[in-house]
Amino acid sequence: MSTAESGVSRPLGDRYDPFHEPQLSDPYPFFAEARAAAPVFYSPALRYWLVTRYRDVKEVMQNWKLFSASNTLDTLKPLCAHALKALAEGGFSAVKALTNADPPAHTRVRRLANVAFTPRRVAQMEPFIRTLAARFVEQRLTRGRADIVQELAWDLPALVIFNVIGVPEADVPRVKASTGKRVLINWGYPSDEEQIRLARDSAEFWRYAEAMVSDRTKSPRDDFTSDLVHARAGDLPALTAQEVTTVLFSLLTAGHETTTSLLGNAFVWLLRHREAWQDICRDPSLIPNAVEEVLRIDPSVFSWRRKTLQAAQIGGVPVPAEANLLVLMGSANRDPEVFAEPERFDIRRGNAKDHLAFGHGPHVCLGAPLARLEARVVIEELARRLPGLRLGPGQKMSYLPNTSFRGPRSLQVEWDA
């Protein structure tokens, strides 16, 4: 029996349950207990080893030669035979291309995919994002109260990334709805019946991405999909249609869902701590670091996955080869060895940007600069236009039950209209 399965760590492994209360709403007390009592432990229910401390999480994400990303997009719960059949019949044929590929294969795809997220290209998007945020405030936030997630954060990031990718604005509701279903099939724990339904939707979503790639291959436009189809970097082989479709399929999910959650989390923390909101309204130069502090204290991606390529020691705990790991960035970001008073929300925190919310190492989030830009611009616009914004009374946050993505599904706010 390994260290992580004996003594004090067995109760932790048995008690870890991100799908139900109280951990669904607030996993952080459990993470703090784990960091102190058993920083690396095994969950029999999930069949994953959990890594909770900053230094261990950082090492796992950096060391791709020992800790592979190959399981990153695997379904947490193995798919039943009927769900697998639904994917196959629907033509779903994703390959390991970016998120779940290791170097050198990952390096090639990453270099070619970088065409969409160069600093210059991201900076050029600021006027579009600002205009969109202003439009949303003027058209949707007019009644003195609103659900800021549903009326602002839900589709604004989707419109931004879909503009980059080349998705028509009319398709936003359809594609956005499919995103939540993909989160559930990959990172949730759905029943067999739910798996079949979700698998059919994933196959339809795949065919949508496939059709976009086919269209841009024949008729290039000024968008990311066309750039990816025709991307070249030195003597690297061009991406295949299947690789481009796989990258696009992932971006159609990750490129906006995480930013929706980031915005939701930002307004929870800034409005819950009224003095912080008032400070950024008076001094907008505080906003960039406030965004980093939100990413630290409540990241929209609070865990990610890796697999051991051989037996390893993580934080002094022996972990076998071919073991699945859940690396908890949300726990690492509150590690007192790195962040003083880690439970305190401090928009002036000097090392807030040391968080691991966007990962670390070769797989660090490709869209991090865009997510930061969107959050900064949206908060700037609301701080300028609605300085009296406040949380609506008596509400309880609701979160999607899964192991990795975290953001309120609804957030009622009020202001003096």
Protein backbone atom coordinates (compact mmCIF):
# COMPACT_ATOMS: atom_id res chain seq x y z
CA MET A 1 0.00 0.00 0.00
CA SER A 2 1.43 3.38 -1.00
CA THR A 3 1.90 6.34 1.29
CA ALA A 4 -1.00 8.15 -0.35
CA GLU A 5 -3.44 5.32 0.37
CA SER A 6 -2.62 4.78 4.02
CA GLY A 7 -3.24 6.55 7.29
CA VAL A 8 -4.46 10.10 7.17
CA SER A 9 -4.75 10.29 3.37
CA ARG A 10 -7.36 7.54 2.92
CA PRO A 11 -10.17 9.69 4.42
CA LEU A 12 -9.20 12.54 2.09
CA GLY A 13 -9.32 10.26 -0.95
CA ASP A 14 -12.70 8.90 0.07
CA ARG A 15 -14.06 12.37 0.80
CA TYR A 16 -13.01 14.16 -2.38
CA ASP A 17 -16.20 14.88 -4.33
CA PRO A 18 -16.17 17.87 -6.69
CA PHE A 19 -19.62 16.98 -8.06
CA HIS A 20 -21.67 17.65 -4.91
CA GLU A 21 -21.94 20.09 -2.03
CA PRO A 22 -20.12 21.43 -0.14
CA GLN A 23 -17.10 21.05 -2.45
CA LEU A 24 -19.05 21.97 -5.58
CA SER A 25 -19.64 25.50 -4.27
CA ASP A 26 -16.45 25.86 -2.25
CA PRO A 27 -13.65 23.30 -2.68
CA TYR A 28 -11.01 25.49 -1.04
CA PRO A 29 -11.35 24.38 2.61
CA PHE A 30 -10.86 20.79 1.45
CA PHE A 31 -7.81 21.82 -0.61
CA ALA A 32 -6.28 23.56 2.42
CA GLU A 33 -6.79 20.43 4.53
CA ALA A 34 -5.21 18.28 1.83
CA ARG A 35 -2.15 20.52 1.42
CA ALA A 36 -1.49 20.23 5.14
CA ALA A 37 -2.34 16.57 5.72
CA ALA A 38 -1.64 14.72 2.45
CA PRO A 39 -0.46 16.97 -0.40
CA VAL A 40 -0.56 14.03 -2.84
CA PHE A 41 -3.33 11.47 -2.35
CA TYR A 42 -5.38 8.91 -4.27
CA SER A 43 -9.12 9.11 -4.96
CA PRO A 44 -10.56 5.58 -5.36
CA ALA A 45 -13.82 6.94 -6.79
CA LEU A 46 -12.12 8.94 -9.53
CA ARG A 47 -9.12 6.59 -9.87
CA TYR A 48 -6.90 9.66 -9.95
CA TRP A 49 -4.01 10.89 -7.81
CA LEU A 50 -4.53 14.48 -6.69
CA VAL A 51 -1.63 16.95 -6.47
CA THR A 52 -2.34 19.99 -4.29
CA ARG A 53 0.86 21.96 -3.51
CA TYR A 54 2.23 24.74 -5.69
CA ARG A 55 5.74 23.34 -6.13
CA ASP A 56 4.42 19.86 -7.00
CA VAL A 57 1.78 21.14 -9.43
CA LYS A 58 4.38 23.32 -11.15
CA GLU A 59 6.84 20.43 -11.44
CA VAL A 60 4.23 18.07 -12.92
CA MET A 61 3.17 20.64 -15.52
CA GLN A 62 6.75 21.50 -16.44
CA ASN A 63 8.20 17.99 -16.71
CA TRP A 64 6.54 16.58 -19.84
CA LYS A 65 9.15 13.83 -20.14
CA LEU A 66 7.79 12.23 -16.96
CA PHE A 67 4.22 13.55 -16.84
CA SER A 68 2.35 13.25 -20.13
CA ALA A 69 -0.58 15.39 -21.28
CA SER A 70 -2.00 12.45 -23.24
CA ASN A 71 -5.01 11.99 -20.92
CA THR A 72 -5.99 15.66 -20.76
CA LEU A 73 -9.07 15.34 -22.98
CA ASP A 74 -10.04 11.80 -22.00
CA THR A 75 -13.50 11.44 -20.54
CA LEU A 76 -13.24 11.30 -16.76
CA LYS A 77 -15.81 8.51 -16.73
CA PRO A 78 -15.15 5.88 -19.44
CA LEU A 79 -17.75 6.07 -22.18
CA CYS A 80 -20.30 3.29 -22.42
CA ALA A 81 -20.48 1.21 -25.61
CA HIS A 82 -23.53 3.07 -26.95
CA ALA A 83 -21.85 6.46 -26.45
CA LEU A 84 -18.73 5.25 -28.28
CA LYS A 85 -20.97 4.01 -31.09
CA ALA A 86 -22.71 7.41 -31.28
CA LEU A 87 -19.34 9.15 -31.66
CA ALA A 88 -18.17 6.74 -34.35
CA GLU A 89 -21.42 6.90 -36.30
CA GLY A 90 -21.34 10.69 -36.06
CA GLY A 91 -17.90 10.83 -37.67
CA PHE A 92 -16.03 12.06 -34.60
CA SER A 93 -12.31 11.48 -35.25
CA ALA A 94 -10.23 13.86 -33.11
CA VAL A 95 -6.48 13.24 -32.90
CA LYS A 96 -3.85 14.27 -30.36
CA ALA A 97 -2.92 17.69 -31.65
CA LEU A 98 -2.36 20.40 -29.03
CA THR A 99 -3.82 20.12 -25.54
CA ASN A 100 -3.25 16.37 -25.23
CA ALA A 101 -0.06 15.98 -27.29
CA ASP A 102 3.48 15.93 -25.89
CA PRO A 103 6.60 17.40 -27.49
CA PRO A 104 7.81 17.17 -30.20
CA ALA A 105 4.36 16.64 -31.77
CA HIS A 106 2.90 19.32 -29.50
CA THR A 107 5.70 21.75 -30.37
CA ARG A 108 4.92 21.54 -34.09
CA VAL A 109 1.18 22.15 -33.67
CA ARG A 110 1.77 24.91 -31.13
CA ARG A 111 4.14 26.80 -33.42
CA LEU A 112 1.64 26.66 -36.26
CA ALA A 113 -1.33 27.58 -34.02
CA ASN A 114 0.49 30.61 -32.63
CA VAL A 115 -0.47 32.54 -35.77
CA ALA A 116 -3.77 33.54 -34.14
CA PHE A 117 -2.42 34.70 -30.80
CA THR A 118 0.64 36.80 -31.54
CA PRO A 119 0.90 39.83 -29.20
CA ARG A 120 0.24 42.13 -32.15
CA ARG A 121 -2.88 40.29 -33.21
CA VAL A 122 -4.28 40.17 -29.68
CA ALA A 123 -3.62 43.91 -29.16
CA GLN A 124 -5.48 44.67 -32.39
CA MET A 125 -8.59 43.07 -30.91
CA GLU A 126 -8.98 45.58 -28.07
CA PRO A 127 -11.19 48.07 -29.97
CA PHE A 128 -13.57 45.27 -31.02
CA ILE A 129 -13.80 43.95 -27.44
CA ARG A 130 -14.36 47.43 -26.03
CA THR A 131 -17.07 48.22 -28.57
CA LEU A 132 -18.77 44.91 -27.82
CA ALA A 133 -18.64 45.50 -24.05
CA ALA A 134 -20.06 49.01 -24.45
CA ARG A 135 -22.84 47.68 -26.68
CA PHE A 136 -23.78 45.01 -24.16
CA VAL A 137 -23.93 47.54 -21.31
CA GLU A 138 -26.00 50.02 -23.32
CA GLN A 139 -28.44 47.44 -24.70
CA ARG A 140 -28.70 44.87 -21.91
CA LEU A 141 -27.82 46.49 -18.60
CA THR A 142 -30.52 49.15 -18.48
CA ARG A 143 -33.06 48.08 -15.85
CA GLY A 144 -31.18 48.54 -12.57
CA ARG A 145 -30.67 44.82 -12.15
CA ALA A 146 -29.45 41.92 -14.29
CA ASP A 147 -27.92 38.48 -14.32
CA ILE A 148 -24.46 39.59 -15.36
CA VAL A 149 -23.38 36.07 -16.30
CA GLN A 150 -26.31 35.40 -18.62
CA GLU A 151 -26.57 38.92 -20.05
CA LEU A 152 -22.88 39.79 -20.42
CA ALA A 153 -20.32 37.12 -19.56
CA TRP A 154 -22.13 34.23 -21.25
CA ASP A 155 -21.83 35.29 -24.87
CA LEU A 156 -19.39 38.23 -24.99
CA PRO A 157 -16.27 36.00 -24.87
CA ALA A 158 -17.90 33.69 -27.41
CA LEU A 159 -18.45 36.58 -29.82
CA VAL A 160 -14.80 37.58 -29.40
CA ILE A 161 -13.26 34.17 -30.06
CA PHE A 162 -15.81 33.33 -32.74
CA ASN A 163 -14.88 36.57 -34.49
CA VAL A 164 -11.26 35.38 -34.43
CA ILE A 165 -12.15 31.88 -35.62
CA GLY A 166 -14.70 32.99 -38.20
CA VAL A 167 -17.94 31.63 -36.69
CA PRO A 168 -21.01 33.63 -37.80
CA GLU A 169 -22.63 35.61 -34.97
CA ALA A 170 -25.94 33.87 -35.68
CA ASP A 171 -24.36 30.53 -34.66
CA VAL A 172 -23.26 31.75 -31.20
CA PRO A 173 -26.24 30.34 -29.21
CA ARG A 174 -25.92 26.92 -30.87
CA VAL A 175 -22.15 26.60 -30.40
CA LYS A 176 -22.24 28.07 -26.88
CA ALA A 177 -24.90 25.57 -25.80
CA SER A 178 -22.76 22.70 -27.09
CA THR A 179 -19.83 23.89 -24.99
CA GLY A 180 -21.47 23.14 -21.64
CA LYS A 181 -22.34 19.66 -22.89
CA ARG A 182 -18.72 19.01 -23.82
CA VAL A 183 -17.59 20.05 -20.34
CA LEU A 184 -19.97 17.49 -18.86
CA ILE A 185 -18.95 14.59 -21.12
CA ASN A 186 -15.20 15.16 -20.64
CA TRP A 187 -14.94 16.48 -17.08
CA GLY A 188 -18.22 15.49 -15.47
CA TYR A 189 -19.64 12.13 -14.38
CA PRO A 190 -22.76 11.64 -16.53
CA SER A 191 -24.96 8.55 -16.51
CA ASP A 192 -24.86 6.17 -19.50
CA GLU A 193 -28.05 7.73 -20.87
CA GLU A 194 -26.56 11.21 -20.55
CA GLN A 195 -23.33 10.02 -22.17
CA ILE A 196 -25.20 8.85 -25.27
CA ARG A 197 -26.99 12.18 -25.62
CA LEU A 198 -23.78 14.15 -25.00
CA ALA A 199 -21.83 11.96 -27.44
CA ARG A 200 -24.32 12.69 -30.20
CA ASP A 201 -23.95 16.40 -29.52
CA SER A 202 -20.14 16.14 -29.56
CA ALA A 203 -20.30 14.40 -32.94
CA GLU A 204 -22.53 17.16 -34.30
CA PHE A 205 -20.13 19.77 -32.89
CA TRP A 206 -17.23 17.94 -34.57
CA ARG A 207 -19.02 17.98 -37.93
CA TYR A 208 -19.58 21.73 -37.53
CA ALA A 209 -15.82 22.28 -37.04
CA GLU A 210 -15.06 19.90 -39.90
CA ALA A 211 -17.31 21.85 -42.27
CA MET A 212 -15.57 25.11 -41.33
CA VAL A 213 -12.16 23.60 -42.10
CA SER A 214 -13.38 22.27 -45.44
CA ASP A 215 -14.84 25.66 -46.35
CA ARG A 216 -11.64 27.57 -45.46
CA THR A 217 -9.50 25.08 -47.35
CA LYS A 218 -11.42 25.89 -50.52
CA SER A 219 -12.16 29.56 -49.82
CA PRO A 220 -9.73 31.20 -47.35
CA ARG A 221 -10.92 34.23 -45.37
CA ASP A 222 -9.28 36.65 -42.97
CA ASP A 223 -9.77 34.50 -39.87
CA PHE A 224 -7.94 32.06 -37.61
CA THR A 225 -9.39 28.95 -39.24
CA SER A 226 -8.03 29.99 -42.63
CA ASP A 227 -4.67 30.91 -41.07
CA LEU A 228 -4.45 27.51 -39.40
CA VAL A 229 -5.35 25.63 -42.58
CA HIS A 230 -2.64 27.46 -44.50
CA ALA A 231 -0.11 27.97 -41.67
CA ARG A 232 3.54 27.30 -42.42
CA ALA A 233 6.57 27.55 -40.13
CA GLY A 234 9.96 26.83 -41.64
CA ASP A 235 10.19 23.26 -42.83
CA LEU A 236 7.54 21.93 -40.43
CA PRO A 237 4.87 19.81 -42.13
CA ALA A 238 1.57 21.65 -42.54
CA LEU A 239 -1.30 20.60 -40.31
CA THR A 240 -3.62 17.95 -41.68
CA ALA A 241 -7.34 18.67 -42.00
CA GLN A 242 -7.94 16.34 -39.05
CA GLU A 243 -5.40 18.21 -36.90
CA VAL A 244 -6.90 21.59 -37.81
CA THR A 245 -10.39 20.31 -37.00
CA THR A 246 -9.17 18.98 -33.64
CA VAL A 247 -7.58 22.32 -32.70
CA LEU A 248 -10.69 24.19 -33.83
CA PHE A 249 -12.95 21.79 -31.92
CA SER A 250 -10.98 22.53 -28.73
CA LEU A 251 -10.87 26.30 -29.27
CA LEU A 252 -14.62 26.40 -29.86
CA THR A 253 -14.88 25.22 -26.24
CA ALA A 254 -11.85 26.50 -24.35
CA GLY A 255 -11.66 29.81 -26.19
CA HIS A 256 -14.71 31.26 -24.46
CA GLU A 257 -16.09 29.03 -21.70
CA THR A 258 -13.11 29.72 -19.45
CA THR A 259 -13.35 33.48 -20.06
CA THR A 260 -17.07 33.43 -19.26
CA SER A 261 -16.15 31.83 -15.93
CA LEU A 262 -13.27 34.29 -15.38
CA LEU A 263 -15.66 37.23 -15.79
CA GLY A 264 -18.24 35.63 -13.50
CA ASN A 265 -15.64 34.93 -10.84
CA ALA A 266 -14.24 38.45 -11.19
CA PHE A 267 -17.58 40.08 -10.46
CA VAL A 268 -18.26 37.71 -7.56
CA TRP A 269 -14.99 38.67 -5.86
CA LEU A 270 -14.90 42.37 -6.76
CA LEU A 271 -18.50 43.00 -5.71
CA ARG A 272 -18.28 40.79 -2.64
CA HIS A 273 -15.33 42.97 -1.58
CA ARG A 274 -16.94 46.35 -2.16
CA GLU A 275 -13.82 48.34 -1.28
CA ALA A 276 -11.93 46.58 -4.09
CA TRP A 277 -14.63 47.53 -6.60
CA GLN A 278 -14.61 51.13 -5.39
CA ASP A 279 -10.81 51.22 -5.63
CA ILE A 280 -10.75 50.11 -9.27
CA CYS A 281 -13.53 52.54 -10.15
CA ARG A 282 -11.39 55.34 -8.74
CA ASP A 283 -8.13 53.98 -10.17
CA PRO A 284 -8.52 51.77 -13.27
CA SER A 285 -4.76 51.15 -13.32
CA LEU A 286 -5.45 48.59 -10.56
CA ILE A 287 -7.58 46.45 -12.89
CA PRO A 288 -4.84 44.34 -14.55
CA ASN A 289 -3.53 43.15 -11.18
CA ALA A 290 -7.08 42.68 -9.91
CA VAL A 291 -7.63 40.27 -12.81
CA GLU A 292 -4.50 38.34 -11.79
CA GLU A 293 -5.73 38.15 -8.20
CA VAL A 294 -9.08 36.75 -9.35
CA LEU A 295 -7.22 34.16 -11.43
CA ARG A 296 -5.20 33.27 -8.35
CA ILE A 297 -7.91 33.03 -5.74
CA ASP A 298 -10.65 31.43 -7.87
CA PRO A 299 -9.39 30.27 -11.28
CA SER A 300 -11.85 29.37 -14.01
CA VAL A 301 -9.80 26.20 -14.63
CA PHE A 302 -9.02 24.86 -11.17
CA SER A 303 -7.55 21.49 -12.16
CA TRP A 304 -6.04 19.74 -15.17
CA ARG A 305 -4.79 16.26 -15.96
CA ARG A 306 -1.54 14.43 -16.54
CA LYS A 307 -0.35 10.79 -16.66
CA THR A 308 2.88 9.32 -15.31
CA LEU A 309 5.06 7.75 -18.01
CA GLN A 310 6.97 5.81 -15.36
CA ALA A 311 6.91 5.35 -11.60
CA ALA A 312 7.58 8.71 -9.95
CA GLN A 313 7.90 10.51 -6.64
CA ILE A 314 5.65 13.54 -6.30
CA GLY A 315 6.17 15.51 -3.12
CA GLY A 316 7.82 12.45 -1.60
CA VAL A 317 4.85 10.20 -2.41
CA PRO A 318 5.47 7.21 -4.71
CA VAL A 319 3.08 7.15 -7.67
CA PRO A 320 3.04 4.20 -10.11
CA ALA A 321 3.59 4.32 -13.86
CA GLU A 322 0.50 4.97 -16.01
CA ALA A 323 -1.22 6.71 -13.09
CA ASN A 324 -3.75 9.43 -13.83
CA LEU A 325 -3.06 12.72 -12.06
CA LEU A 326 -5.41 15.58 -11.26
CA VAL A 327 -3.21 18.64 -10.72
CA LEU A 328 -5.12 21.17 -8.66
CA MET A 329 -4.10 24.66 -9.75
CA GLY A 330 -6.90 26.06 -7.60
CA SER A 331 -5.22 24.56 -4.54
CA ALA A 332 -1.70 25.54 -5.65
CA ASN A 333 -2.84 29.15 -6.03
CA ARG A 334 -3.67 29.27 -2.31
CA ASP A 335 -0.48 27.61 -1.11
CA PRO A 336 0.80 29.65 1.87
CA GLU A 337 4.37 28.73 0.95
CA VAL A 338 4.00 31.01 -2.09
CA PHE A 339 1.19 33.46 -1.29
CA ALA A 340 1.01 35.26 2.06
CA GLU A 341 -2.48 35.15 3.61
CA PRO A 342 -3.66 33.12 0.61
CA GLU A 343 -7.36 33.21 1.55
CA ARG A 344 -7.39 37.02 1.47
CA PHE A 345 -8.50 38.76 -1.73
CA ASP A 346 -5.96 41.53 -2.35
CA ILE A 347 -6.04 43.38 -5.68
CA ARG A 348 -2.65 44.91 -4.84
CA ARG A 349 -0.95 41.57 -4.13
CA GLY A 350 2.64 41.83 -5.36
CA ASN A 351 3.00 38.28 -6.67
CA ALA A 352 -0.58 37.64 -7.84
CA LYS A 353 0.71 36.92 -11.34
CA ASP A 354 2.65 33.90 -10.03
CA HIS A 355 -0.61 31.92 -10.09
CA LEU A 356 -0.90 28.77 -12.19
CA ALA A 357 -4.40 29.45 -13.54
CA PHE A 358 -3.18 29.23 -17.13
CA GLY A 359 -1.00 26.21 -16.45
CA HIS A 360 2.78 26.11 -16.70
CA GLY A 361 5.43 24.73 -19.00
CA PRO A 362 5.04 23.81 -22.68
CA HIS A 363 1.24 23.58 -22.46
CA VAL A 364 0.66 26.99 -20.86
CA CYS A 365 -2.64 28.36 -22.19
CA LEU A 366 -2.34 29.64 -25.75
CA GLY A 367 -5.20 32.10 -25.23
CA ALA A 368 -4.02 33.59 -21.91
CA PRO A 369 -3.20 37.04 -23.39
CA LEU A 370 -6.64 37.23 -24.98
CA ALA A 371 -8.41 36.16 -21.77
CA ARG A 372 -6.52 38.81 -19.78
CA LEU A 373 -7.37 41.46 -22.36
CA GLU A 374 -11.07 40.58 -22.37
CA ALA A 375 -11.31 40.61 -18.58
CA ARG A 376 -9.48 43.94 -18.30
CA VAL A 377 -11.56 45.68 -20.96
CA VAL A 378 -14.93 44.40 -19.69
CA ILE A 379 -14.14 45.39 -16.09
CA GLU A 380 -12.89 48.80 -17.25
CA GLU A 381 -16.12 49.44 -19.14
CA LEU A 382 -18.37 48.40 -16.26
CA ALA A 383 -16.33 50.29 -13.67
CA ARG A 384 -16.62 53.42 -15.81
CA ARG A 385 -20.28 53.08 -16.73
CA LEU A 386 -21.76 51.38 -13.63
CA PRO A 387 -19.64 52.35 -10.60
CA GLY A 388 -22.63 51.70 -8.33
CA LEU A 389 -22.75 48.00 -9.31
CA ARG A 390 -23.42 45.68 -6.36
CA LEU A 391 -24.40 42.07 -5.70
CA GLY A 392 -28.09 41.28 -5.53
CA PRO A 393 -29.22 40.15 -2.06
CA GLY A 394 -29.76 36.59 -0.85
CA GLN A 395 -28.33 34.57 -3.72
CA LYS A 396 -26.42 31.29 -3.66
CA MET A 397 -23.94 30.58 -6.43
CA SER A 398 -24.57 27.56 -8.66
CA TYR A 399 -21.72 25.72 -10.41
CA LEU A 400 -21.55 23.07 -13.14
CA PRO A 401 -20.60 19.72 -11.52
CA ASN A 402 -17.23 18.76 -13.01
CA THR A 403 -13.58 18.35 -12.05
CA SER A 404 -11.94 21.24 -13.89
CA PHE A 405 -14.03 24.28 -14.82
CA ARG A 406 -15.39 26.73 -12.28
CA GLY A 407 -17.58 29.79 -12.62
CA PRO A 408 -21.04 30.86 -11.42
CA ARG A 409 -23.85 29.92 -13.77
CA SER A 410 -25.81 32.95 -12.63
CA LEU A 411 -24.95 36.19 -10.79
CA GLN A 412 -27.60 38.76 -9.94
CA VAL A 413 -26.34 42.34 -9.71
CA GLU A 414 -28.03 45.68 -9.05
CA TRP A 415 -27.27 49.36 -9.58
CA ASP A 416 -29.08 52.68 -9.48
CA ALA A 417 -30.51 53.08 -12.98
